[in-house]
Amino acid sequence: MEVYLVRHTETVCEKGICYGQADVALLEPYEQQFEAIKAQIPAESIVYSSPLNRCVELANFLSSTKIQMDSRLMEMNFGDWELKNWDSIPVIDLTPWMNDFVHVRVPNGESFTDLRDRVSDFLDHELPKKTIKPIVIVTHAGVIRSILCKITKLPLRDAFQNKVNFGAVIKIEI
């Protein structure tokens, strides 16, 4: 099955801000970027999206039909760290997570394994098993990295080897 993984475009958050499931807006103008992304995907596709507005706006632009939103496609939940500057997070909290983000949960949030598990559940149970239409998934860098780790068997600790820029379109076969 042909699948296009699409990361939302840049957000209004300044560099250094930790955001995952915070519903931050897209940096405007973004219409030209949306057009460039649309040119890379098939016109007749089944479109899934994270329910966060930064993805929904793009997904609606890409799809001529109703998009299918799924909370399992949301970015990692950074819990107590949402919308904080990374430099302001207490070292006592940050260090264990930085040393093992795969297994250590953010306070009141998720670990990368938690994210991987819900994304895998989406892939295993939501995607149609047989479809002639390509699938487009509009989502976030963490979700895309977890999918790429799953299909390439790359260990989660090496997920950041997968570069996923804002507005990236990555075609895979599942």
C-alpha atoms as a PDB file:
ATOM      1  CA  MET A   1       0.000   0.000   0.000  1.00  0.00           C
ATOM      2  CA  GLU A   2       1.298   3.434  -0.976  1.00  0.00           C
ATOM      3  CA  VAL A   3       1.440   5.772   2.040  1.00  0.00           C
ATOM      4  CA  TYR A   4       2.496   9.416   2.148  1.00  0.00           C
ATOM      5  CA  LEU A   5       3.649  10.703   5.534  1.00  0.00           C
ATOM      6  CA  VAL A   6       3.232  14.483   5.658  1.00  0.00           C
ATOM      7  CA  ARG A   7       4.522  16.718   8.431  1.00  0.00           C
ATOM      8  CA  HIS A   8       2.675  19.956   9.100  1.00  0.00           C
ATOM      9  CA  THR A   9       4.399  23.229   8.182  1.00  0.00           C
ATOM     10  CA  GLU A  10       6.182  25.480  10.663  1.00  0.00           C
ATOM     11  CA  THR A  11       4.316  26.708  13.733  1.00  0.00           C
ATOM     12  CA  VAL A  12       4.250  30.060  15.511  1.00  0.00           C
ATOM     13  CA  CYS A  13       6.294  28.631  18.386  1.00  0.00           C
ATOM     14  CA  GLU A  14       9.702  30.188  18.658  1.00  0.00           C
ATOM     15  CA  LYS A  15      12.716  27.894  18.604  1.00  0.00           C
ATOM     16  CA  GLY A  16      13.441  26.303  21.960  1.00  0.00           C
ATOM     17  CA  ILE A  17       9.813  25.864  22.994  1.00  0.00           C
ATOM     18  CA  CYS A  18       8.675  22.346  23.852  1.00  0.00           C
ATOM     19  CA  TYR A  19       5.359  21.608  22.215  1.00  0.00           C
ATOM     20  CA  GLY A  20       3.743  18.313  21.398  1.00  0.00           C
ATOM     21  CA  GLN A  21       0.016  18.096  21.925  1.00  0.00           C
ATOM     22  CA  ALA A  22      -0.403  21.819  22.583  1.00  0.00           C
ATOM     23  CA  ASP A  23      -2.655  23.076  19.789  1.00  0.00           C
ATOM     24  CA  VAL A  24      -0.387  25.773  18.361  1.00  0.00           C
ATOM     25  CA  ALA A  25      -1.110  27.662  15.142  1.00  0.00           C
ATOM     26  CA  LEU A  26       0.766  27.493  11.863  1.00  0.00           C
ATOM     27  CA  LEU A  27       3.160  30.260  10.910  1.00  0.00           C
ATOM     28  CA  GLU A  28       1.647  32.343   8.133  1.00  0.00           C
ATOM     29  CA  PRO A  29       1.795  32.629   5.216  1.00  0.00           C
ATOM     30  CA  TYR A  30       1.675  28.920   4.475  1.00  0.00           C
ATOM     31  CA  GLU A  31      -0.445  28.689   1.303  1.00  0.00           C
ATOM     32  CA  GLN A  32       2.585  28.362  -0.982  1.00  0.00           C
ATOM     33  CA  GLN A  33       3.970  25.539   1.166  1.00  0.00           C
ATOM     34  CA  PHE A  34       0.568  23.836   1.133  1.00  0.00           C
ATOM     35  CA  GLU A  35       0.550  24.002  -2.682  1.00  0.00           C
ATOM     36  CA  ALA A  36       4.053  22.503  -2.861  1.00  0.00           C
ATOM     37  CA  ILE A  37       2.991  19.637  -0.585  1.00  0.00           C
ATOM     38  CA  LYS A  38      -0.188  19.031  -2.589  1.00  0.00           C
ATOM     39  CA  ALA A  39       1.889  18.720  -5.774  1.00  0.00           C
ATOM     40  CA  GLN A  40       3.736  15.750  -4.199  1.00  0.00           C
ATOM     41  CA  ILE A  41       0.739  13.589  -3.356  1.00  0.00           C
ATOM     42  CA  PRO A  42      -1.873  11.849  -5.523  1.00  0.00           C
ATOM     43  CA  ALA A  43      -5.103  13.790  -6.013  1.00  0.00           C
ATOM     44  CA  GLU A  44      -7.342  10.837  -5.137  1.00  0.00           C
ATOM     45  CA  SER A  45      -6.188   9.726  -1.696  1.00  0.00           C
ATOM     46  CA  ILE A  46      -7.612   8.655   1.622  1.00  0.00           C
ATOM     47  CA  VAL A  47      -6.458  11.341   4.080  1.00  0.00           C
ATOM     48  CA  TYR A  48      -5.929  10.761   7.798  1.00  0.00           C
ATOM     49  CA  SER A  49      -4.895  13.536  10.153  1.00  0.00           C
ATOM     50  CA  SER A  50      -3.897  14.277  13.693  1.00  0.00           C
ATOM     51  CA  PRO A  51      -6.763  16.257  15.254  1.00  0.00           C
ATOM     52  CA  LEU A  52      -4.428  19.139  16.137  1.00  0.00           C
ATOM     53  CA  ASN A  53      -5.245  22.232  14.066  1.00  0.00           C
ATOM     54  CA  ARG A  54      -1.741  22.508  12.577  1.00  0.00           C
ATOM     55  CA  CYS A  55      -2.405  19.197  10.818  1.00  0.00           C
ATOM     56  CA  VAL A  56      -6.142  19.559  10.187  1.00  0.00           C
ATOM     57  CA  GLU A  57      -5.654  22.801   8.227  1.00  0.00           C
ATOM     58  CA  LEU A  58      -3.171  21.115   5.912  1.00  0.00           C
ATOM     59  CA  ALA A  59      -5.190  17.888   5.623  1.00  0.00           C
ATOM     60  CA  ASN A  60      -8.327  19.813   4.638  1.00  0.00           C
ATOM     61  CA  PHE A  61      -6.336  21.655   1.984  1.00  0.00           C
ATOM     62  CA  LEU A  62      -4.962  18.380   0.576  1.00  0.00           C
ATOM     63  CA  SER A  63      -8.217  16.446   0.481  1.00  0.00           C
ATOM     64  CA  SER A  64     -11.206  16.891  -1.801  1.00  0.00           C
ATOM     65  CA  THR A  65     -13.235  14.658   0.526  1.00  0.00           C
ATOM     66  CA  LYS A  66     -13.760  14.452   4.287  1.00  0.00           C
ATOM     67  CA  ILE A  67     -10.575  13.768   6.225  1.00  0.00           C
ATOM     68  CA  GLN A  68     -10.413  11.110   8.935  1.00  0.00           C
ATOM     69  CA  MET A  69      -9.012  12.457  12.204  1.00  0.00           C
ATOM     70  CA  ASP A  70      -7.431  10.113  14.702  1.00  0.00           C
ATOM     71  CA  SER A  71      -5.981  11.053  18.094  1.00  0.00           C
ATOM     72  CA  ARG A  72      -3.405   8.249  17.808  1.00  0.00           C
ATOM     73  CA  LEU A  73      -1.689  10.468  15.205  1.00  0.00           C
ATOM     74  CA  MET A  74      -1.065  13.283  17.711  1.00  0.00           C
ATOM     75  CA  GLU A  75       2.473  14.309  18.583  1.00  0.00           C
ATOM     76  CA  MET A  76       4.074  13.070  21.788  1.00  0.00           C
ATOM     77  CA  ASN A  77       2.410  14.307  24.951  1.00  0.00           C
ATOM     78  CA  PHE A  78       5.011  16.439  26.728  1.00  0.00           C
ATOM     79  CA  GLY A  79       2.814  16.752  29.828  1.00  0.00           C
ATOM     80  CA  ASP A  80       4.189  19.294  32.301  1.00  0.00           C
ATOM     81  CA  TRP A  81       6.701  20.534  29.727  1.00  0.00           C
ATOM     82  CA  GLU A  82       4.165  21.659  27.105  1.00  0.00           C
ATOM     83  CA  LEU A  83       4.870  25.221  25.909  1.00  0.00           C
ATOM     84  CA  LYS A  84       7.857  25.639  28.210  1.00  0.00           C
ATOM     85  CA  ASN A  85      11.288  26.641  27.011  1.00  0.00           C
ATOM     86  CA  TRP A  86      13.519  23.574  27.020  1.00  0.00           C
ATOM     87  CA  ASP A  87      16.111  25.568  29.014  1.00  0.00           C
ATOM     88  CA  SER A  88      13.566  26.227  31.791  1.00  0.00           C
ATOM     89  CA  ILE A  89      12.798  22.541  32.419  1.00  0.00           C
ATOM     90  CA  PRO A  90      14.491  21.471  35.680  1.00  0.00           C
ATOM     91  CA  VAL A  91      17.626  19.425  35.028  1.00  0.00           C
ATOM     92  CA  ILE A  92      16.476  16.860  37.597  1.00  0.00           C
ATOM     93  CA  ASP A  93      13.446  16.147  35.346  1.00  0.00           C
ATOM     94  CA  LEU A  94      15.091  16.612  31.972  1.00  0.00           C
ATOM     95  CA  THR A  95      18.248  14.514  32.430  1.00  0.00           C
ATOM     96  CA  PRO A  96      16.602  11.090  32.911  1.00  0.00           C
ATOM     97  CA  TRP A  97      14.387  11.693  29.875  1.00  0.00           C
ATOM     98  CA  MET A  98      17.296  12.945  27.736  1.00  0.00           C
ATOM     99  CA  ASN A  99      19.278   9.839  28.711  1.00  0.00           C
ATOM    100  CA  ASP A 100      16.414   7.481  27.782  1.00  0.00           C
ATOM    101  CA  PHE A 101      13.546   9.265  25.983  1.00  0.00           C
ATOM    102  CA  VAL A 102      12.493   5.892  24.600  1.00  0.00           C
ATOM    103  CA  HIS A 103      11.383   4.542  27.997  1.00  0.00           C
ATOM    104  CA  VAL A 104      11.249   7.457  30.440  1.00  0.00           C
ATOM    105  CA  ARG A 105       7.942   9.321  30.524  1.00  0.00           C
ATOM    106  CA  VAL A 106       7.776  13.072  30.637  1.00  0.00           C
ATOM    107  CA  PRO A 107       6.074  14.098  33.917  1.00  0.00           C
ATOM    108  CA  ASN A 108       2.320  13.721  33.226  1.00  0.00           C
ATOM    109  CA  GLY A 109       3.136  12.851  29.613  1.00  0.00           C
ATOM    110  CA  GLU A 110       4.481  10.053  27.447  1.00  0.00           C
ATOM    111  CA  SER A 111       7.652   8.222  26.571  1.00  0.00           C
ATOM    112  CA  PHE A 112       8.588   7.588  22.956  1.00  0.00           C
ATOM    113  CA  THR A 113       7.514   3.956  23.461  1.00  0.00           C
ATOM    114  CA  ASP A 114       4.039   5.168  24.463  1.00  0.00           C
ATOM    115  CA  LEU A 115       3.840   7.215  21.261  1.00  0.00           C
ATOM    116  CA  ARG A 116       5.088   4.268  19.187  1.00  0.00           C
ATOM    117  CA  ASP A 117       2.495   1.952  20.717  1.00  0.00           C
ATOM    118  CA  ARG A 118      -0.477   4.180  19.857  1.00  0.00           C
ATOM    119  CA  VAL A 119       0.845   4.890  16.356  1.00  0.00           C
ATOM    120  CA  SER A 120       1.371   1.156  15.780  1.00  0.00           C
ATOM    121  CA  ASP A 121      -2.184   0.551  16.949  1.00  0.00           C
ATOM    122  CA  PHE A 122      -3.381   3.052  14.338  1.00  0.00           C
ATOM    123  CA  LEU A 123      -1.344   1.390  11.573  1.00  0.00           C
ATOM    124  CA  ASP A 124      -2.400  -2.127  12.553  1.00  0.00           C
ATOM    125  CA  HIS A 125      -6.109  -1.462  13.112  1.00  0.00           C
ATOM    126  CA  GLU A 126      -7.168   1.657  11.233  1.00  0.00           C
ATOM    127  CA  LEU A 127      -5.557   1.546   7.823  1.00  0.00           C
ATOM    128  CA  PRO A 128      -7.567  -0.386   5.271  1.00  0.00           C
ATOM    129  CA  LYS A 129      -5.962  -3.716   4.472  1.00  0.00           C
ATOM    130  CA  LYS A 130      -6.848  -3.504   0.805  1.00  0.00           C
ATOM    131  CA  THR A 131      -7.183  -0.223  -1.009  1.00  0.00           C
ATOM    132  CA  ILE A 132      -6.376   0.965  -4.476  1.00  0.00           C
ATOM    133  CA  LYS A 133      -6.217   4.561  -3.285  1.00  0.00           C
ATOM    134  CA  PRO A 134      -3.027   5.905  -1.761  1.00  0.00           C
ATOM    135  CA  ILE A 135      -3.094   6.859   1.919  1.00  0.00           C
ATOM    136  CA  VAL A 136      -1.972  10.291   3.154  1.00  0.00           C
ATOM    137  CA  ILE A 137      -1.209  10.743   6.860  1.00  0.00           C
ATOM    138  CA  VAL A 138      -0.844  14.365   7.976  1.00  0.00           C
ATOM    139  CA  THR A 139       0.913  14.342  11.306  1.00  0.00           C
ATOM    140  CA  HIS A 140       3.990  15.300  13.339  1.00  0.00           C
ATOM    141  CA  ALA A 141       7.717  14.573  13.344  1.00  0.00           C
ATOM    142  CA  GLY A 142       7.586  12.153  16.298  1.00  0.00           C
ATOM    143  CA  VAL A 143       4.798  10.128  14.726  1.00  0.00           C
ATOM    144  CA  ILE A 144       6.578   9.987  11.373  1.00  0.00           C
ATOM    145  CA  ARG A 145       9.841   8.941  13.034  1.00  0.00           C
ATOM    146  CA  SER A 146       8.049   6.148  14.912  1.00  0.00           C
ATOM    147  CA  ILE A 147       6.482   4.881  11.670  1.00  0.00           C
ATOM    148  CA  LEU A 148       9.844   4.941   9.895  1.00  0.00           C
ATOM    149  CA  CYS A 149      11.427   3.033  12.795  1.00  0.00           C
ATOM    150  CA  LYS A 150       8.663   0.428  12.598  1.00  0.00           C
ATOM    151  CA  ILE A 151       8.941  -0.207   8.861  1.00  0.00           C
ATOM    152  CA  THR A 152      12.752  -0.119   8.703  1.00  0.00           C
ATOM    153  CA  LYS A 153      13.284  -1.950  12.033  1.00  0.00           C
ATOM    154  CA  LEU A 154      15.412   0.972  13.249  1.00  0.00           C
ATOM    155  CA  PRO A 155      15.663   0.993  17.058  1.00  0.00           C
ATOM    156  CA  LEU A 156      13.619   3.798  18.620  1.00  0.00           C
ATOM    157  CA  ARG A 157      16.739   5.244  20.266  1.00  0.00           C
ATOM    158  CA  ASP A 158      17.979   6.007  16.718  1.00  0.00           C
ATOM    159  CA  ALA A 159      14.726   7.635  15.550  1.00  0.00           C
ATOM    160  CA  PHE A 160      16.348  11.052  15.147  1.00  0.00           C
ATOM    161  CA  GLN A 161      18.458   9.650  12.304  1.00  0.00           C
ATOM    162  CA  ASN A 162      15.260  10.178  10.300  1.00  0.00           C
ATOM    163  CA  LYS A 163      15.256  13.861   9.337  1.00  0.00           C
ATOM    164  CA  VAL A 164      11.666  15.137   9.143  1.00  0.00           C
ATOM    165  CA  ASN A 165      11.520  18.813   8.193  1.00  0.00           C
ATOM    166  CA  PHE A 166       8.419  20.989   8.402  1.00  0.00           C
ATOM    167  CA  GLY A 167       6.293  20.276   5.322  1.00  0.00           C
ATOM    168  CA  ALA A 168       8.171  17.041   4.532  1.00  0.00           C
ATOM    169  CA  VAL A 169       6.454  14.439   2.349  1.00  0.00           C
ATOM    170  CA  ILE A 170       7.839  10.910   2.726  1.00  0.00           C
ATOM    171  CA  LYS A 171       6.488   8.137   0.524  1.00  0.00           C
ATOM    172  CA  ILE A 172       6.594   4.601   1.931  1.00  0.00           C
ATOM    173  CA  GLU A 173       5.122   1.201   1.121  1.00  0.00           C
ATOM    174  CA  ILE A 174       3.323  -0.750   3.828  1.00  0.00           C
END
